[in-house]
Amino acid sequence: MDFKDVYGMVLKNYPEIMNVEETSVVLGVSTKTVYKMLKNGTIQNMKVGRSYRVPKVHLLSFLKMNAQMA
């Protein structure tokens, strides 16, 4: 399965910029884990006020980087 398949199957139904809850569902981890990943820079993000936002392109980059390491 390549990343076009992942995008088509998993991320297609999500907005282009996701909040922490949506990101946690996609990754299959808790929101607490996502907050840790965002704060330490594991996943690139944007901060809007006090809220974190994750563009799909940054999430795909994170997934691709981790897939290459595995």
Protein backbone atom coordinates (compact mmCIF):
# COMPACT_ATOMS: atom_id res chain seq x y z
CA MET A 1 0.00 0.00 0.00
CA ASP A 2 1.49 3.34 -0.98
CA PHE A 3 0.69 6.78 0.36
CA LYS A 4 -1.83 7.53 -2.36
CA ASP A 5 -3.81 4.54 -1.10
CA VAL A 6 -3.49 5.74 2.49
CA TYR A 7 -4.67 9.20 1.51
CA GLY A 8 -7.54 7.79 -0.52
CA MET A 9 -8.70 5.37 2.13
CA VAL A 10 -7.97 7.08 5.43
CA LEU A 11 -7.38 10.79 5.06
CA LYS A 12 -9.88 11.58 2.30
CA ASN A 13 -12.70 12.13 4.79
CA TYR A 14 -10.73 14.53 6.97
CA PRO A 15 -10.27 18.29 6.50
CA GLU A 16 -7.03 19.64 5.03
CA ILE A 17 -6.10 21.01 8.46
CA MET A 18 -6.95 18.71 11.36
CA ASN A 19 -7.29 19.31 15.07
CA VAL A 20 -5.72 17.14 17.78
CA GLU A 21 -8.72 14.84 18.10
CA GLU A 22 -8.86 14.10 14.37
CA THR A 23 -5.10 13.53 14.28
CA SER A 24 -5.32 11.07 17.17
CA VAL A 25 -8.01 9.07 15.37
CA VAL A 26 -5.92 8.89 12.18
CA LEU A 27 -2.81 7.77 14.08
CA GLY A 28 -4.69 5.48 16.45
CA VAL A 29 -3.19 7.04 19.56
CA SER A 30 -4.55 9.12 22.42
CA THR A 31 -4.88 12.87 22.27
CA LYS A 32 -2.31 13.06 25.08
CA THR A 33 0.22 11.28 22.85
CA VAL A 34 -0.57 13.65 19.96
CA TYR A 35 -0.03 16.67 22.21
CA LYS A 36 3.39 15.27 23.21
CA MET A 37 4.29 14.70 19.55
CA LEU A 38 3.26 18.22 18.61
CA LYS A 39 5.05 19.87 21.52
CA ASN A 40 8.36 18.08 20.89
CA GLY A 41 8.19 18.67 17.11
CA THR A 42 7.74 15.05 16.02
CA ILE A 43 4.86 16.21 13.82
CA GLN A 44 5.06 19.66 12.28
CA ASN A 45 2.08 21.78 13.20
CA MET A 46 0.59 25.22 13.37
CA LYS A 47 -0.61 26.88 16.51
CA VAL A 48 -3.73 29.00 16.23
CA GLY A 49 -4.24 30.80 19.49
CA ARG A 50 -3.98 28.06 22.07
CA SER A 51 -4.98 25.28 19.65
CA TYR A 52 -2.76 23.04 17.58
CA ARG A 53 -3.59 22.33 13.94
CA VAL A 54 -1.99 19.67 11.75
CA PRO A 55 -2.08 20.06 7.97
CA LYS A 56 -2.51 16.76 6.13
CA VAL A 57 0.77 17.28 4.28
CA HIS A 58 2.66 17.37 7.60
CA LEU A 59 0.89 14.24 8.80
CA LEU A 60 1.71 12.45 5.55
CA SER A 61 5.35 13.52 5.87
CA PHE A 62 5.44 12.10 9.40
CA LEU A 63 3.89 8.81 8.25
CA LYS A 64 6.25 8.54 5.29
CA MET A 65 9.30 9.23 7.46
CA ASN A 66 8.25 6.57 9.97
CA ALA A 67 7.45 4.05 7.22
CA GLN A 68 10.97 4.45 5.80
CA MET A 69 12.49 3.87 9.24
CA ALA A 70 10.55 0.61 9.75
